[in-house]
Amino acid sequence: MKVKALIDCVGVEYELKKNETADLSKALAEKLLKFQYVEEVKTVKKSPKKKVNE
């Protein structure tokens, strides 16, 4: 799961600085989310813009 660190935090499987993004295991990411150390990074799919014929 991709997350963004809200604070500096260090643990057994991770070492994150504030505003750094990382791809962590789902279990670890959920624990850090629970304690509000990180926030989930969600990707947004952009659809191609349609060209307007004049």
PDB file of N, CA and C in Angstrom:
ATOM      1  N   MET A   1       0.860  -1.169   0.000  1.00  0.00           N
ATOM      2  CA  MET A   1       0.000   0.000   0.000  1.00  0.00           C
ATOM      3  C   MET A   1       0.905   1.231   0.000  1.00  0.00           C
ATOM      4  N   LYS A   2       0.577   2.192  -0.818  1.00  0.00           N
ATOM      5  CA  LYS A   2       1.372   3.409  -0.915  1.00  0.00           C
ATOM      6  C   LYS A   2       0.870   4.423   0.112  1.00  0.00           C
ATOM      7  N   VAL A   3       1.802   4.950   0.920  1.00  0.00           N
ATOM      8  CA  VAL A   3       1.452   5.896   1.976  1.00  0.00           C
ATOM      9  C   VAL A   3       2.403   7.093   1.961  1.00  0.00           C
ATOM     10  N   LYS A   4       1.948   8.187   2.580  1.00  0.00           N
ATOM     11  CA  LYS A   4       2.753   9.396   2.741  1.00  0.00           C
ATOM     12  C   LYS A   4       2.880   9.672   4.232  1.00  0.00           C
ATOM     13  N   ALA A   5       4.106   9.863   4.703  1.00  0.00           N
ATOM     14  CA  ALA A   5       4.361  10.088   6.122  1.00  0.00           C
ATOM     15  C   ALA A   5       3.914  11.486   6.541  1.00  0.00           C
ATOM     16  N   LEU A   6       3.195  11.559   7.655  1.00  0.00           N
ATOM     17  CA  LEU A   6       2.762  12.841   8.203  1.00  0.00           C
ATOM     18  C   LEU A   6       3.762  13.372   9.225  1.00  0.00           C
ATOM     19  N   ILE A   7       4.560  12.461   9.794  1.00  0.00           N
ATOM     20  CA  ILE A   7       5.608  12.817  10.755  1.00  0.00           C
ATOM     21  C   ILE A   7       6.811  11.915  10.494  1.00  0.00           C
ATOM     22  N   ASP A   8       7.965  12.256  11.055  1.00  0.00           N
ATOM     23  CA  ASP A   8       9.118  11.361  10.999  1.00  0.00           C
ATOM     24  C   ASP A   8       8.823  10.162  11.887  1.00  0.00           C
ATOM     25  N   CYS A   9       9.014   8.959  11.362  1.00  0.00           N
ATOM     26  CA  CYS A   9       8.779   7.768  12.169  1.00  0.00           C
ATOM     27  C   CYS A   9       9.711   6.645  11.723  1.00  0.00           C
ATOM     28  N   VAL A  10      10.182   5.874  12.706  1.00  0.00           N
ATOM     29  CA  VAL A  10      11.125   4.790  12.463  1.00  0.00           C
ATOM     30  C   VAL A  10      10.614   3.543  13.144  1.00  0.00           C
ATOM     31  N   GLY A  11      10.727   2.420  12.461  1.00  0.00           N
ATOM     32  CA  GLY A  11      10.294   1.150  13.030  1.00  0.00           C
ATOM     33  C   GLY A  11      11.122   0.016  12.476  1.00  0.00           C
ATOM     34  N   VAL A  12      10.705  -1.206  12.770  1.00  0.00           N
ATOM     35  CA  VAL A  12      11.447  -2.390  12.362  1.00  0.00           C
ATOM     36  C   VAL A  12      11.515  -2.509  10.837  1.00  0.00           C
ATOM     37  N   GLU A  13      10.421  -2.265  10.147  1.00  0.00           N
ATOM     38  CA  GLU A  13      10.383  -2.448   8.696  1.00  0.00           C
ATOM     39  C   GLU A  13      10.351  -1.134   7.914  1.00  0.00           C
ATOM     40  N   TYR A  14      10.526  -0.011   8.570  1.00  0.00           N
ATOM     41  CA  TYR A  14      10.381   1.263   7.865  1.00  0.00           C
ATOM     42  C   TYR A  14      11.172   2.368   8.538  1.00  0.00           C
ATOM     43  N   GLU A  15      11.502   3.384   7.768  1.00  0.00           N
ATOM     44  CA  GLU A  15      12.118   4.617   8.264  1.00  0.00           C
ATOM     45  C   GLU A  15      11.635   5.726   7.338  1.00  0.00           C
ATOM     46  N   LEU A  16      10.701   6.511   7.831  1.00  0.00           N
ATOM     47  CA  LEU A  16      10.059   7.525   7.000  1.00  0.00           C
ATOM     48  C   LEU A  16      10.311   8.926   7.537  1.00  0.00           C
ATOM     49  N   LYS A  17      10.547   9.838   6.630  1.00  0.00           N
ATOM     50  CA  LYS A  17      10.661  11.257   6.958  1.00  0.00           C
ATOM     51  C   LYS A  17       9.347  11.932   6.582  1.00  0.00           C
ATOM     52  N   LYS A  18       9.053  13.063   7.191  1.00  0.00           N
ATOM     53  CA  LYS A  18       7.813  13.786   6.914  1.00  0.00           C
ATOM     54  C   LYS A  18       7.693  14.075   5.419  1.00  0.00           C
ATOM     55  N   ASN A  19       6.501  13.852   4.866  1.00  0.00           N
ATOM     56  CA  ASN A  19       6.140  14.066   3.458  1.00  0.00           C
ATOM     57  C   ASN A  19       6.759  13.064   2.485  1.00  0.00           C
ATOM     58  N   GLU A  20       7.461  12.060   2.992  1.00  0.00           N
ATOM     59  CA  GLU A  20       8.038  11.023   2.134  1.00  0.00           C
ATOM     60  C   GLU A  20       6.972   9.981   1.805  1.00  0.00           C
ATOM     61  N   THR A  21       6.979   9.472   0.583  1.00  0.00           N
ATOM     62  CA  THR A  21       6.045   8.414   0.215  1.00  0.00           C
ATOM     63  C   THR A  21       6.791   7.089   0.172  1.00  0.00           C
ATOM     64  N   ALA A  22       6.074   6.013   0.513  1.00  0.00           N
ATOM     65  CA  ALA A  22       6.670   4.681   0.526  1.00  0.00           C
ATOM     66  C   ALA A  22       5.607   3.644   0.217  1.00  0.00           C
ATOM     67  N   ASP A  23       6.054   2.515  -0.308  1.00  0.00           N
ATOM     68  CA  ASP A  23       5.161   1.395  -0.588  1.00  0.00           C
ATOM     69  C   ASP A  23       5.407   0.348   0.494  1.00  0.00           C
ATOM     70  N   LEU A  24       4.471   0.225   1.433  1.00  0.00           N
ATOM     71  CA  LEU A  24       4.611  -0.682   2.571  1.00  0.00           C
ATOM     72  C   LEU A  24       3.636  -1.840   2.459  1.00  0.00           C
ATOM     73  N   SER A  25       3.891  -2.878   3.251  1.00  0.00           N
ATOM     74  CA  SER A  25       2.949  -3.999   3.281  1.00  0.00           C
ATOM     75  C   SER A  25       1.606  -3.492   3.797  1.00  0.00           C
ATOM     76  N   LYS A  26       0.545  -4.165   3.391  1.00  0.00           N
ATOM     77  CA  LYS A  26      -0.803  -3.721   3.765  1.00  0.00           C
ATOM     78  C   LYS A  26      -0.980  -3.717   5.283  1.00  0.00           C
ATOM     79  N   ALA A  27      -0.492  -4.757   5.963  1.00  0.00           N
ATOM     80  CA  ALA A  27      -0.648  -4.853   7.420  1.00  0.00           C
ATOM     81  C   ALA A  27       0.064  -3.704   8.131  1.00  0.00           C
ATOM     82  N   LEU A  28       1.300  -3.423   7.724  1.00  0.00           N
ATOM     83  CA  LEU A  28       2.065  -2.341   8.345  1.00  0.00           C
ATOM     84  C   LEU A  28       1.429  -0.989   8.045  1.00  0.00           C
ATOM     85  N   ALA A  29       1.025  -0.783   6.808  1.00  0.00           N
ATOM     86  CA  ALA A  29       0.402   0.488   6.428  1.00  0.00           C
ATOM     87  C   ALA A  29      -0.872   0.736   7.227  1.00  0.00           C
ATOM     88  N   GLU A  30      -1.675  -0.303   7.423  1.00  0.00           N
ATOM     89  CA  GLU A  30      -2.914  -0.143   8.192  1.00  0.00           C
ATOM     90  C   GLU A  30      -2.630   0.217   9.646  1.00  0.00           C
ATOM     91  N   LYS A  31      -1.573  -0.346  10.237  1.00  0.00           N
ATOM     92  CA  LYS A  31      -1.209   0.002  11.619  1.00  0.00           C
ATOM     93  C   LYS A  31      -0.780   1.462  11.710  1.00  0.00           C
ATOM     94  N   LEU A  32       0.041   1.905  10.757  1.00  0.00           N
ATOM     95  CA  LEU A  32       0.499   3.293  10.769  1.00  0.00           C
ATOM     96  C   LEU A  32      -0.647   4.263  10.497  1.00  0.00           C
ATOM     97  N   LEU A  33      -1.584   3.858   9.653  1.00  0.00           N
ATOM     98  CA  LEU A  33      -2.780   4.676   9.409  1.00  0.00           C
ATOM     99  C   LEU A  33      -3.610   4.809  10.679  1.00  0.00           C
ATOM    100  N   LYS A  34      -3.715   3.719  11.422  1.00  0.00           N
ATOM    101  CA  LYS A  34      -4.504   3.708  12.658  1.00  0.00           C
ATOM    102  C   LYS A  34      -3.975   4.728  13.667  1.00  0.00           C
ATOM    103  N   PHE A  35      -2.638   4.855  13.739  1.00  0.00           N
ATOM    104  CA  PHE A  35      -2.019   5.803  14.670  1.00  0.00           C
ATOM    105  C   PHE A  35      -1.815   7.185  14.048  1.00  0.00           C
ATOM    106  N   GLN A  36      -2.288   7.358  12.817  1.00  0.00           N
ATOM    107  CA  GLN A  36      -2.217   8.622  12.077  1.00  0.00           C
ATOM    108  C   GLN A  36      -0.783   9.109  11.871  1.00  0.00           C
ATOM    109  N   TYR A  37       0.132   8.154  11.654  1.00  0.00           N
ATOM    110  CA  TYR A  37       1.510   8.496  11.305  1.00  0.00           C
ATOM    111  C   TYR A  37       1.644   8.725   9.806  1.00  0.00           C
ATOM    112  N   VAL A  38       0.735   8.118   9.032  1.00  0.00           N
ATOM    113  CA  VAL A  38       0.773   8.221   7.574  1.00  0.00           C
ATOM    114  C   VAL A  38      -0.640   8.433   7.039  1.00  0.00           C
ATOM    115  N   GLU A  39      -0.721   8.811   5.767  1.00  0.00           N
ATOM    116  CA  GLU A  39      -2.008   8.859   5.077  1.00  0.00           C
ATOM    117  C   GLU A  39      -1.853   8.068   3.783  1.00  0.00           C
ATOM    118  N   GLU A  40      -2.944   7.464   3.344  1.00  0.00           N
ATOM    119  CA  GLU A  40      -2.905   6.648   2.132  1.00  0.00           C
ATOM    120  C   GLU A  40      -2.816   7.538   0.903  1.00  0.00           C
ATOM    121  N   VAL A  41      -1.976   7.138  -0.034  1.00  0.00           N
ATOM    122  CA  VAL A  41      -1.847   7.850  -1.298  1.00  0.00           C
ATOM    123  C   VAL A  41      -2.700   7.107  -2.310  1.00  0.00           C
ATOM    124  N   LYS A  42      -3.692   7.796  -2.823  1.00  0.00           N
ATOM    125  CA  LYS A  42      -4.590   7.191  -3.805  1.00  0.00           C
ATOM    126  C   LYS A  42      -4.273   7.757  -5.180  1.00  0.00           C
ATOM    127  N   THR A  43      -4.189   6.877  -6.155  1.00  0.00           N
ATOM    128  CA  THR A  43      -3.919   7.320  -7.516  1.00  0.00           C
ATOM    129  C   THR A  43      -5.233   7.621  -8.217  1.00  0.00           C
ATOM    130  N   VAL A  44      -5.215   8.662  -8.996  1.00  0.00           N
ATOM    131  CA  VAL A  44      -6.402   9.079  -9.731  1.00  0.00           C
ATOM    132  C   VAL A  44      -6.142   8.813 -11.206  1.00  0.00           C
ATOM    133  N   LYS A  45      -7.033   8.044 -11.809  1.00  0.00           N
ATOM    134  CA  LYS A  45      -6.895   7.771 -13.238  1.00  0.00           C
ATOM    135  C   LYS A  45      -7.466   8.948 -14.020  1.00  0.00           C
ATOM    136  N   LYS A  46      -6.656   9.477 -14.899  1.00  0.00           N
ATOM    137  CA  LYS A  46      -7.099  10.603 -15.718  1.00  0.00           C
ATOM    138  C   LYS A  46      -7.500  10.074 -17.084  1.00  0.00           C
ATOM    139  N   SER A  47      -8.671  10.460 -17.518  1.00  0.00           N
ATOM    140  CA  SER A  47      -9.113  10.060 -18.849  1.00  0.00           C
ATOM    141  C   SER A  47      -8.609  11.091 -19.853  1.00  0.00           C
ATOM    142  N   PRO A  48      -8.266  10.652 -21.042  1.00  0.00           N
ATOM    143  CA  PRO A  48      -7.777  11.615 -22.041  1.00  0.00           C
ATOM    144  C   PRO A  48      -8.870  12.612 -22.415  1.00  0.00           C
ATOM    145  N   LYS A  49      -8.458  13.842 -22.591  1.00  0.00           N
ATOM    146  CA  LYS A  49      -9.425  14.885 -22.943  1.00  0.00           C
ATOM    147  C   LYS A  49      -9.848  14.715 -24.395  1.00  0.00           C
ATOM    148  N   LYS A  50     -11.131  14.893 -24.635  1.00  0.00           N
ATOM    149  CA  LYS A  50     -11.657  14.791 -25.992  1.00  0.00           C
ATOM    150  C   LYS A  50     -11.452  16.121 -26.701  1.00  0.00           C
ATOM    151  N   LYS A  51     -11.030  16.020 -27.946  1.00  0.00           N
ATOM    152  CA  LYS A  51     -10.850  17.232 -28.739  1.00  0.00           C
ATOM    153  C   LYS A  51     -12.193  17.646 -29.321  1.00  0.00           C
ATOM    154  N   VAL A  52     -12.450  18.924 -29.273  1.00  0.00           N
ATOM    155  CA  VAL A  52     -13.708  19.455 -29.797  1.00  0.00           C
ATOM    156  C   VAL A  52     -13.441  19.972 -31.202  1.00  0.00           C
ATOM    157  N   ASN A  53     -14.178  19.446 -32.156  1.00  0.00           N
ATOM    158  CA  ASN A  53     -14.038  19.922 -33.540  1.00  0.00           C
ATOM    159  C   ASN A  53     -14.839  21.199 -33.718  1.00  0.00           C
ATOM    160  N   GLU A  54     -14.190  22.193 -34.289  1.00  0.00           N
ATOM    161  CA  GLU A  54     -14.867  23.476 -34.495  1.00  0.00           C
ATOM    162  C   GLU A  54     -15.342  23.600 -35.910  1.00  0.00           C
TER     163      GLU A  54
END
